[in-house]
PDB file of all heavy atoms in Angstrom:
ATOM      1  N   GLY A   1     -25.513 -29.458 -33.365  1.00  0.00           N
ATOM      2  CA  GLY A   1     -26.631 -29.901 -34.176  1.00  0.00           C
ATOM      3  C   GLY A   1     -27.478 -28.821 -34.795  1.00  0.00           C
ATOM      4  O   GLY A   1     -28.575 -29.098 -35.301  1.00  0.00           O
ATOM      5  N   ALA A   2     -27.010 -27.580 -34.798  1.00  0.00           N
ATOM      6  CA  ALA A   2     -27.786 -26.492 -35.383  1.00  0.00           C
ATOM      7  C   ALA A   2     -27.648 -26.470 -36.898  1.00  0.00           C
ATOM      8  O   ALA A   2     -26.665 -26.969 -37.462  1.00  0.00           O
ATOM      9  CB  ALA A   2     -27.339 -25.152 -34.814  1.00  0.00           C
ATOM     10  N   LEU A   3     -28.623 -25.868 -37.560  1.00  0.00           N
ATOM     11  CA  LEU A   3     -28.511 -25.556 -38.973  1.00  0.00           C
ATOM     12  C   LEU A   3     -27.704 -24.268 -39.065  1.00  0.00           C
ATOM     13  O   LEU A   3     -28.141 -23.225 -38.568  1.00  0.00           O
ATOM     14  CB  LEU A   3     -29.906 -25.363 -39.580  1.00  0.00           C
ATOM     15  CG  LEU A   3     -29.976 -24.994 -41.067  1.00  0.00           C
ATOM     16  CD1 LEU A   3     -29.417 -26.130 -41.917  1.00  0.00           C
ATOM     17  CD2 LEU A   3     -31.411 -24.687 -41.461  1.00  0.00           C
ATOM     18  N   ALA A   4     -26.512 -24.326 -39.658  1.00  0.00           N
ATOM     19  CA  ALA A   4     -25.595 -23.187 -39.664  1.00  0.00           C
ATOM     20  C   ALA A   4     -25.316 -22.727 -41.083  1.00  0.00           C
ATOM     21  O   ALA A   4     -25.155 -23.540 -42.002  1.00  0.00           O
ATOM     22  CB  ALA A   4     -24.284 -23.556 -38.972  1.00  0.00           C
ATOM     23  N   ALA A   5     -25.277 -21.413 -41.268  1.00  0.00           N
ATOM     24  CA  ALA A   5     -24.964 -20.833 -42.572  1.00  0.00           C
ATOM     25  C   ALA A   5     -24.188 -19.546 -42.361  1.00  0.00           C
ATOM     26  O   ALA A   5     -24.209 -18.955 -41.275  1.00  0.00           O
ATOM     27  CB  ALA A   5     -26.240 -20.571 -43.370  1.00  0.00           C
ATOM     28  N   ASN A   6     -23.507 -19.095 -43.418  1.00  0.00           N
ATOM     29  CA  ASN A   6     -22.703 -17.884 -43.350  1.00  0.00           C
ATOM     30  C   ASN A   6     -23.073 -16.949 -44.489  1.00  0.00           C
ATOM     31  O   ASN A   6     -23.282 -17.389 -45.620  1.00  0.00           O
ATOM     32  CB  ASN A   6     -21.213 -18.227 -43.433  1.00  0.00           C
ATOM     33  CG  ASN A   6     -20.344 -16.984 -43.542  1.00  0.00           C
ATOM     34  OD1 ASN A   6     -20.324 -16.152 -42.655  1.00  0.00           O
ATOM     35  ND2 ASN A   6     -19.636 -16.859 -44.658  1.00  0.00           N
ATOM     36  N   MET A   7     -23.178 -15.654 -44.184  1.00  0.00           N
ATOM     37  CA  MET A   7     -23.399 -14.643 -45.201  1.00  0.00           C
ATOM     38  C   MET A   7     -22.227 -13.684 -45.244  1.00  0.00           C
ATOM     39  O   MET A   7     -21.848 -13.113 -44.214  1.00  0.00           O
ATOM     40  CB  MET A   7     -24.675 -13.843 -44.914  1.00  0.00           C
ATOM     41  CG  MET A   7     -25.091 -12.941 -46.078  1.00  0.00           C
ATOM     42  SD  MET A   7     -26.129 -11.536 -45.581  1.00  0.00           S
ATOM     43  CE  MET A   7     -24.877 -10.283 -45.236  1.00  0.00           C
ATOM     44  N   SER A   8     -21.643 -13.522 -46.411  1.00  0.00           N
ATOM     45  CA  SER A   8     -20.584 -12.549 -46.614  1.00  0.00           C
ATOM     46  C   SER A   8     -21.158 -11.333 -47.316  1.00  0.00           C
ATOM     47  O   SER A   8     -21.874 -11.469 -48.318  1.00  0.00           O
ATOM     48  CB  SER A   8     -19.452 -13.158 -47.450  1.00  0.00           C
ATOM     49  OG  SER A   8     -18.502 -12.173 -47.797  1.00  0.00           O
ATOM     50  N   ALA A   9     -20.882 -10.155 -46.813  1.00  0.00           N
ATOM     51  CA  ALA A   9     -21.457  -8.940 -47.380  1.00  0.00           C
ATOM     52  C   ALA A   9     -21.085  -8.766 -48.847  1.00  0.00           C
ATOM     53  O   ALA A   9     -21.890  -8.298 -49.655  1.00  0.00           O
ATOM     54  CB  ALA A   9     -21.002  -7.729 -46.573  1.00  0.00           C
ATOM     55  N   SER A  10     -19.878  -9.171 -49.229  1.00  0.00           N
ATOM     56  CA  SER A  10     -19.404  -8.953 -50.597  1.00  0.00           C
ATOM     57  C   SER A  10     -20.142  -9.798 -51.623  1.00  0.00           C
ATOM     58  O   SER A  10     -20.157  -9.468 -52.812  1.00  0.00           O
ATOM     59  CB  SER A  10     -17.903  -9.231 -50.676  1.00  0.00           C
ATOM     60  OG  SER A  10     -17.631 -10.582 -50.355  1.00  0.00           O
ATOM     61  N   THR A  11     -20.759 -10.891 -51.191  1.00  0.00           N
ATOM     62  CA  THR A  11     -21.463 -11.773 -52.119  1.00  0.00           C
ATOM     63  C   THR A  11     -22.977 -11.772 -51.881  1.00  0.00           C
ATOM     64  O   THR A  11     -23.686 -12.671 -52.338  1.00  0.00           O
ATOM     65  CB  THR A  11     -20.926 -13.207 -52.006  1.00  0.00           C
ATOM     66  OG1 THR A  11     -21.068 -13.662 -50.655  1.00  0.00           O
ATOM     67  CG2 THR A  11     -19.458 -13.275 -52.407  1.00  0.00           C
ATOM     68  N   SER A  12     -23.474 -10.779 -51.144  1.00  0.00           N
ATOM     69  CA  SER A  12     -24.898 -10.701 -50.824  1.00  0.00           C
ATOM     70  C   SER A  12     -25.520  -9.491 -51.507  1.00  0.00           C
ATOM     71  O   SER A  12     -24.865  -8.752 -52.239  1.00  0.00           O
ATOM     72  CB  SER A  12     -25.091 -10.583 -49.307  1.00  0.00           C
ATOM     73  OG  SER A  12     -24.693  -9.299 -48.872  1.00  0.00           O
ATOM     74  N   SER A  13     -26.799  -9.265 -51.234  1.00  0.00           N
ATOM     75  CA  SER A  13     -27.504  -8.114 -51.808  1.00  0.00           C
ATOM     76  C   SER A  13     -27.016  -6.793 -51.236  1.00  0.00           C
ATOM     77  O   SER A  13     -27.391  -5.723 -51.733  1.00  0.00           O
ATOM     78  CB  SER A  13     -29.016  -8.255 -51.575  1.00  0.00           C
ATOM     79  OG  SER A  13     -29.536  -9.336 -52.323  1.00  0.00           O
ATOM     80  N   VAL A  14     -26.194  -6.838 -50.193  1.00  0.00           N
ATOM     81  CA  VAL A  14     -25.565  -5.615 -49.685  1.00  0.00           C
ATOM     82  C   VAL A  14     -24.762  -4.955 -50.803  1.00  0.00           C
ATOM     83  O   VAL A  14     -24.737  -3.722 -50.945  1.00  0.00           O
ATOM     84  CB  VAL A  14     -24.654  -5.936 -48.482  1.00  0.00           C
ATOM     85  CG1 VAL A  14     -23.843  -4.709 -48.081  1.00  0.00           C
ATOM     86  CG2 VAL A  14     -25.490  -6.425 -47.306  1.00  0.00           C
ATOM     87  N   ALA A  15     -24.114  -5.797 -51.619  1.00  0.00           N
ATOM     88  CA  ALA A  15     -23.311  -5.278 -52.724  1.00  0.00           C
ATOM     89  C   ALA A  15     -24.179  -4.610 -53.789  1.00  0.00           C
ATOM     90  O   ALA A  15     -23.680  -3.849 -54.627  1.00  0.00           O
ATOM     91  CB  ALA A  15     -22.494  -6.411 -53.348  1.00  0.00           C
ATOM     92  N   LYS A  16     -25.492  -4.884 -53.761  1.00  0.00           N
ATOM     93  CA  LYS A  16     -26.414  -4.268 -54.715  1.00  0.00           C
ATOM     94  C   LYS A  16     -27.083  -3.015 -54.148  1.00  0.00           C
ATOM     95  O   LYS A  16     -27.926  -2.406 -54.793  1.00  0.00           O
ATOM     96  CB  LYS A  16     -27.501  -5.274 -55.101  1.00  0.00           C
ATOM     97  CG  LYS A  16     -26.972  -6.531 -55.779  1.00  0.00           C
ATOM     98  CD  LYS A  16     -28.115  -7.501 -56.073  1.00  0.00           C
ATOM     99  CE  LYS A  16     -27.609  -8.776 -56.709  1.00  0.00           C
ATOM    100  NZ  LYS A  16     -28.713  -9.743 -56.982  1.00  0.00           N
ATOM    101  N   GLY A  17     -26.736  -2.673 -52.912  1.00  0.00           N
ATOM    102  CA  GLY A  17     -27.267  -1.458 -52.318  1.00  0.00           C
ATOM    103  C   GLY A  17     -28.341  -1.661 -51.272  1.00  0.00           C
ATOM    104  O   GLY A  17     -28.936  -0.689 -50.800  1.00  0.00           O
ATOM    105  N   GLU A  18     -28.610  -2.913 -50.891  1.00  0.00           N
ATOM    106  CA  GLU A  18     -29.630  -3.156 -49.869  1.00  0.00           C
ATOM    107  C   GLU A  18     -29.191  -2.541 -48.544  1.00  0.00           C
ATOM    108  O   GLU A  18     -28.031  -2.660 -48.147  1.00  0.00           O
ATOM    109  CB  GLU A  18     -29.854  -4.661 -49.695  1.00  0.00           C
ATOM    110  CG  GLU A  18     -30.954  -5.000 -48.710  1.00  0.00           C
ATOM    111  CD  GLU A  18     -31.241  -6.496 -48.669  1.00  0.00           C
ATOM    112  OE1 GLU A  18     -30.339  -7.264 -48.306  1.00  0.00           O
ATOM    113  OE2 GLU A  18     -32.374  -6.883 -49.007  1.00  0.00           O
ATOM    114  N   SER A  19     -30.113  -1.918 -47.835  1.00  0.00           N
ATOM    115  CA  SER A  19     -29.777  -1.268 -46.579  1.00  0.00           C
ATOM    116  C   SER A  19     -29.486  -2.296 -45.490  1.00  0.00           C
ATOM    117  O   SER A  19     -29.930  -3.454 -45.569  1.00  0.00           O
ATOM    118  CB  SER A  19     -30.914  -0.353 -46.118  1.00  0.00           C
ATOM    119  OG  SER A  19     -31.997  -1.123 -45.594  1.00  0.00           O
ATOM    120  N   PHE A  20     -28.781  -1.848 -44.476  1.00  0.00           N
ATOM    121  CA  PHE A  20     -28.421  -2.733 -43.367  1.00  0.00           C
ATOM    122  C   PHE A  20     -29.668  -3.259 -42.658  1.00  0.00           C
ATOM    123  O   PHE A  20     -29.773  -4.450 -42.360  1.00  0.00           O
ATOM    124  CB  PHE A  20     -27.522  -1.979 -42.384  1.00  0.00           C
ATOM    125  CG  PHE A  20     -27.140  -2.784 -41.173  1.00  0.00           C
ATOM    126  CD1 PHE A  20     -26.178  -3.766 -41.256  1.00  0.00           C
ATOM    127  CD2 PHE A  20     -27.744  -2.543 -39.942  1.00  0.00           C
ATOM    128  CE1 PHE A  20     -25.825  -4.523 -40.143  1.00  0.00           C
ATOM    129  CE2 PHE A  20     -27.404  -3.286 -38.824  1.00  0.00           C
ATOM    130  CZ  PHE A  20     -26.438  -4.278 -38.928  1.00  0.00           C
ATOM    131  N   VAL A  21     -30.632  -2.378 -42.401  1.00  0.00           N
ATOM    132  CA  VAL A  21     -31.847  -2.787 -41.693  1.00  0.00           C
ATOM    133  C   VAL A  21     -32.670  -3.760 -42.540  1.00  0.00           C
ATOM    134  O   VAL A  21     -33.200  -4.750 -42.029  1.00  0.00           O
ATOM    135  CB  VAL A  21     -32.687  -1.556 -41.294  1.00  0.00           C
ATOM    136  CG1 VAL A  21     -34.054  -1.983 -40.774  1.00  0.00           C
ATOM    137  CG2 VAL A  21     -31.949  -0.732 -40.236  1.00  0.00           C
ATOM    138  N   ASP A  22     -32.768  -3.510 -43.856  1.00  0.00           N
ATOM    139  CA  ASP A  22     -33.507  -4.425 -44.727  1.00  0.00           C
ATOM    140  C   ASP A  22     -32.838  -5.796 -44.766  1.00  0.00           C
ATOM    141  O   ASP A  22     -33.517  -6.831 -44.782  1.00  0.00           O
ATOM    142  CB  ASP A  22     -33.620  -3.853 -46.132  1.00  0.00           C
ATOM    143  CG  ASP A  22     -34.670  -2.749 -46.231  1.00  0.00           C
ATOM    144  OD1 ASP A  22     -35.549  -2.695 -45.339  1.00  0.00           O
ATOM    145  OD2 ASP A  22     -34.612  -1.957 -47.182  1.00  0.00           O
ATOM    146  N   THR A  23     -31.511  -5.808 -44.776  1.00  0.00           N
ATOM    147  CA  THR A  23     -30.793  -7.084 -44.736  1.00  0.00           C
ATOM    148  C   THR A  23     -31.093  -7.820 -43.439  1.00  0.00           C
ATOM    149  O   THR A  23     -31.358  -9.028 -43.437  1.00  0.00           O
ATOM    150  CB  THR A  23     -29.273  -6.858 -44.864  1.00  0.00           C
ATOM    151  OG1 THR A  23     -28.986  -6.254 -46.130  1.00  0.00           O
ATOM    152  CG2 THR A  23     -28.514  -8.166 -44.767  1.00  0.00           C
ATOM    153  N   ALA A  24     -31.070  -7.098 -42.333  1.00  0.00           N
ATOM    154  CA  ALA A  24     -31.346  -7.714 -41.029  1.00  0.00           C
ATOM    155  C   ALA A  24     -32.743  -8.316 -40.993  1.00  0.00           C
ATOM    156  O   ALA A  24     -32.936  -9.450 -40.524  1.00  0.00           O
ATOM    157  CB  ALA A  24     -31.193  -6.676 -39.920  1.00  0.00           C
ATOM    158  N   ARG A  25     -33.720  -7.577 -41.494  1.00  0.00           N
ATOM    159  CA  ARG A  25     -35.094  -8.074 -41.505  1.00  0.00           C
ATOM    160  C   ARG A  25     -35.239  -9.304 -42.393  1.00  0.00           C
ATOM    161  O   ARG A  25     -35.968 -10.247 -42.065  1.00  0.00           O
ATOM    162  CB  ARG A  25     -36.033  -6.965 -41.970  1.00  0.00           C
ATOM    163  CG  ARG A  25     -36.247  -5.867 -40.936  1.00  0.00           C
ATOM    164  CD  ARG A  25     -37.021  -4.715 -41.518  1.00  0.00           C
ATOM    165  NE  ARG A  25     -37.373  -3.723 -40.498  1.00  0.00           N
ATOM    166  CZ  ARG A  25     -37.754  -2.478 -40.767  1.00  0.00           C
ATOM    167  NH1 ARG A  25     -37.805  -2.061 -42.032  1.00  0.00           N
ATOM    168  NH2 ARG A  25     -38.060  -1.653 -39.791  1.00  0.00           N
ATOM    169  N   THR A  26     -34.551  -9.291 -43.517  1.00  0.00           N
ATOM    170  CA  THR A  26     -34.601 -10.433 -44.428  1.00  0.00           C
ATOM    171  C   THR A  26     -34.050 -11.683 -43.758  1.00  0.00           C
ATOM    172  O   THR A  26     -34.641 -12.769 -43.819  1.00  0.00           O
ATOM    173  CB  THR A  26     -33.804 -10.135 -45.711  1.00  0.00           C
ATOM    174  OG1 THR A  26     -34.400  -9.019 -46.386  1.00  0.00           O
ATOM    175  CG2 THR A  26     -33.784 -11.335 -46.638  1.00  0.00           C
ATOM    176  N   LEU A  27     -32.926 -11.547 -43.114  1.00  0.00           N
ATOM    177  CA  LEU A  27     -32.298 -12.695 -42.443  1.00  0.00           C
ATOM    178  C   LEU A  27     -33.166 -13.199 -41.295  1.00  0.00           C
ATOM    179  O   LEU A  27     -33.273 -14.401 -41.050  1.00  0.00           O
ATOM    180  CB  LEU A  27     -30.910 -12.294 -41.921  1.00  0.00           C
ATOM    181  CG  LEU A  27     -29.903 -11.836 -42.986  1.00  0.00           C
ATOM    182  CD1 LEU A  27     -28.601 -11.402 -42.319  1.00  0.00           C
ATOM    183  CD2 LEU A  27     -29.648 -12.931 -44.009  1.00  0.00           C
ATOM    184  N   ASP A  28     -33.798 -12.280 -40.593  1.00  0.00           N
ATOM    185  CA  ASP A  28     -34.658 -12.654 -39.477  1.00  0.00           C
ATOM    186  C   ASP A  28     -35.871 -13.448 -39.954  1.00  0.00           C
ATOM    187  O   ASP A  28     -36.322 -14.388 -39.282  1.00  0.00           O
ATOM    188  CB  ASP A  28     -35.112 -11.388 -38.743  1.00  0.00           C
ATOM    189  CG  ASP A  28     -35.740 -11.675 -37.391  1.00  0.00           C
ATOM    190  OD1 ASP A  28     -35.177 -12.489 -36.632  1.00  0.00           O
ATOM    191  OD2 ASP A  28     -36.798 -11.089 -37.092  1.00  0.00           O
ATOM    192  N   ARG A  29     -36.384 -13.100 -41.113  1.00  0.00           N
ATOM    193  CA  ARG A  29     -37.574 -13.765 -41.647  1.00  0.00           C
ATOM    194  C   ARG A  29     -37.266 -15.153 -42.210  1.00  0.00           C
ATOM    195  O   ARG A  29     -38.175 -15.873 -42.628  1.00  0.00           O
ATOM    196  CB  ARG A  29     -38.214 -12.902 -42.733  1.00  0.00           C
ATOM    197  CG  ARG A  29     -38.787 -11.587 -42.233  1.00  0.00           C
ATOM    198  CD  ARG A  29     -39.903 -11.788 -41.224  1.00  0.00           C
ATOM    199  NE  ARG A  29     -41.088 -12.370 -41.838  1.00  0.00           N
ATOM    200  CZ  ARG A  29     -42.201 -12.636 -41.184  1.00  0.00           C
ATOM    201  NH1 ARG A  29     -42.267 -12.413 -39.873  1.00  0.00           N
ATOM    202  NH2 ARG A  29     -43.241 -13.151 -41.815  1.00  0.00           N
ATOM    203  N   MET A  30     -36.018 -15.533 -42.185  1.00  0.00           N
ATOM    204  CA  MET A  30     -35.643 -16.888 -42.598  1.00  0.00           C
ATOM    205  C   MET A  30     -35.697 -17.856 -41.415  1.00  0.00           C
ATOM    206  O   MET A  30     -35.054 -18.900 -41.415  1.00  0.00           O
ATOM    207  CB  MET A  30     -34.240 -16.896 -43.218  1.00  0.00           C
ATOM    208  CG  MET A  30     -34.172 -16.158 -44.539  1.00  0.00           C
ATOM    209  SD  MET A  30     -32.511 -16.172 -45.243  1.00  0.00           S
ATOM    210  CE  MET A  30     -32.785 -15.243 -46.767  1.00  0.00           C
ATOM    211  N   ALA A  31     -36.471 -17.481 -40.393  1.00  0.00           N
ATOM    212  CA  ALA A  31     -36.643 -18.305 -39.184  1.00  0.00           C
ATOM    213  C   ALA A  31     -35.319 -18.556 -38.483  1.00  0.00           C
ATOM    214  O   ALA A  31     -35.059 -19.642 -37.972  1.00  0.00           O
ATOM    215  CB  ALA A  31     -37.331 -19.625 -39.531  1.00  0.00           C
ATOM    216  N   THR A  32     -34.491 -17.516 -38.443  1.00  0.00           N
ATOM    217  CA  THR A  32     -33.180 -17.612 -37.802  1.00  0.00           C
ATOM    218  C   THR A  32     -33.327 -17.432 -36.291  1.00  0.00           C
ATOM    219  O   THR A  32     -34.028 -16.537 -35.829  1.00  0.00           O
ATOM    220  CB  THR A  32     -32.235 -16.528 -38.357  1.00  0.00           C
ATOM    221  OG1 THR A  32     -32.182 -16.649 -39.776  1.00  0.00           O
ATOM    222  CG2 THR A  32     -30.848 -16.675 -37.792  1.00  0.00           C
ATOM    223  N   ASP A  33     -32.651 -18.283 -35.527  1.00  0.00           N
ATOM    224  CA  ASP A  33     -32.700 -18.172 -34.068  1.00  0.00           C
ATOM    225  C   ASP A  33     -31.602 -17.263 -33.521  1.00  0.00           C
ATOM    226  O   ASP A  33     -31.821 -16.531 -32.558  1.00  0.00           O
ATOM    227  CB  ASP A  33     -32.578 -19.568 -33.436  1.00  0.00           C
ATOM    228  CG  ASP A  33     -33.785 -20.434 -33.753  1.00  0.00           C
ATOM    229  OD1 ASP A  33     -34.870 -20.120 -33.257  1.00  0.00           O
ATOM    230  OD2 ASP A  33     -33.625 -21.416 -34.513  1.00  0.00           O
ATOM    231  N   VAL A  34     -30.400 -17.340 -34.123  1.00  0.00           N
ATOM    232  CA  VAL A  34     -29.278 -16.521 -33.662  1.00  0.00           C
ATOM    233  C   VAL A  34     -28.577 -15.905 -34.860  1.00  0.00           C
ATOM    234  O   VAL A  34     -28.250 -16.605 -35.835  1.00  0.00           O
ATOM    235  CB  VAL A  34     -28.260 -17.354 -32.846  1.00  0.00           C
ATOM    236  CG1 VAL A  34     -27.122 -16.446 -32.349  1.00  0.00           C
ATOM    237  CG2 VAL A  34     -28.923 -18.051 -31.681  1.00  0.00           C
ATOM    238  N   LEU A  35     -28.348 -14.602 -34.801  1.00  0.00           N
ATOM    239  CA  LEU A  35     -27.573 -13.887 -35.805  1.00  0.00           C
ATOM    240  C   LEU A  35     -26.264 -13.427 -35.172  1.00  0.00           C
ATOM    241  O   LEU A  35     -26.278 -12.716 -34.159  1.00  0.00           O
ATOM    242  CB  LEU A  35     -28.355 -12.672 -36.313  1.00  0.00           C
ATOM    243  CG  LEU A  35     -29.507 -12.950 -37.283  1.00  0.00           C
ATOM    244  CD1 LEU A  35     -30.413 -11.727 -37.377  1.00  0.00           C
ATOM    245  CD2 LEU A  35     -28.963 -13.307 -38.657  1.00  0.00           C
ATOM    246  N   VAL A  36     -25.155 -13.841 -35.747  1.00  0.00           N
ATOM    247  CA  VAL A  36     -23.828 -13.451 -35.266  1.00  0.00           C
ATOM    248  C   VAL A  36     -23.265 -12.455 -36.265  1.00  0.00           C
ATOM    249  O   VAL A  36     -23.094 -12.777 -37.447  1.00  0.00           O
ATOM    250  CB  VAL A  36     -22.893 -14.678 -35.155  1.00  0.00           C
ATOM    251  CG1 VAL A  36     -21.535 -14.253 -34.614  1.00  0.00           C
ATOM    252  CG2 VAL A  36     -23.516 -15.761 -34.285  1.00  0.00           C
ATOM    253  N   ILE A  37     -22.996 -11.235 -35.821  1.00  0.00           N
ATOM    254  CA  ILE A  37     -22.601 -10.185 -36.760  1.00  0.00           C
ATOM    255  C   ILE A  37     -21.274  -9.542 -36.400  1.00  0.00           C
ATOM    256  O   ILE A  37     -21.008  -9.226 -35.234  1.00  0.00           O
ATOM    257  CB  ILE A  37     -23.689  -9.087 -36.872  1.00  0.00           C
ATOM    258  CG1 ILE A  37     -23.214  -7.973 -37.818  1.00  0.00           C
ATOM    259  CG2 ILE A  37     -24.097  -8.545 -35.508  1.00  0.00           C
ATOM    260  CD1 ILE A  37     -24.252  -6.936 -38.147  1.00  0.00           C
ATOM    261  N   ARG A  38     -20.439  -9.353 -37.428  1.00  0.00           N
ATOM    262  CA  ARG A  38     -19.249  -8.499 -37.323  1.00  0.00           C
ATOM    263  C   ARG A  38     -19.401  -7.384 -38.348  1.00  0.00           C
ATOM    264  O   ARG A  38     -19.754  -7.636 -39.501  1.00  0.00           O
ATOM    265  CB  ARG A  38     -17.964  -9.289 -37.595  1.00  0.00           C
ATOM    266  CG  ARG A  38     -16.737  -8.379 -37.733  1.00  0.00           C
ATOM    267  CD  ARG A  38     -15.435  -9.133 -37.749  1.00  0.00           C
ATOM    268  NE  ARG A  38     -15.146  -9.683 -36.417  1.00  0.00           N
ATOM    269  CZ  ARG A  38     -13.997 -10.292 -36.110  1.00  0.00           C
ATOM    270  NH1 ARG A  38     -13.054 -10.431 -37.012  1.00  0.00           N
ATOM    271  NH2 ARG A  38     -13.813 -10.755 -34.895  1.00  0.00           N
ATOM    272  N   HIS A  39     -19.143  -6.150 -37.903  1.00  0.00           N
ATOM    273  CA  HIS A  39     -19.387  -5.000 -38.773  1.00  0.00           C
ATOM    274  C   HIS A  39     -18.371  -3.894 -38.458  1.00  0.00           C
ATOM    275  O   HIS A  39     -18.026  -3.689 -37.282  1.00  0.00           O
ATOM    276  CB  HIS A  39     -20.809  -4.474 -38.554  1.00  0.00           C
ATOM    277  CG  HIS A  39     -21.339  -3.660 -39.677  1.00  0.00           C
ATOM    278  ND1 HIS A  39     -20.939  -2.355 -39.910  1.00  0.00           N
ATOM    279  CD2 HIS A  39     -22.242  -3.949 -40.657  1.00  0.00           C
ATOM    280  CE1 HIS A  39     -21.564  -1.883 -40.968  1.00  0.00           C
ATOM    281  NE2 HIS A  39     -22.368  -2.827 -41.445  1.00  0.00           N
TER     282      HIS A  39
END
């Protein structure tokens, strides 16, 4: 029953040069409870 979404690096602002930490902070500020990351 969770609200689930997926982010692909190739179609995100990462491709525009956004830093890894800035991306993490952005995702966190979307009221995310769990971040699952492969890198």
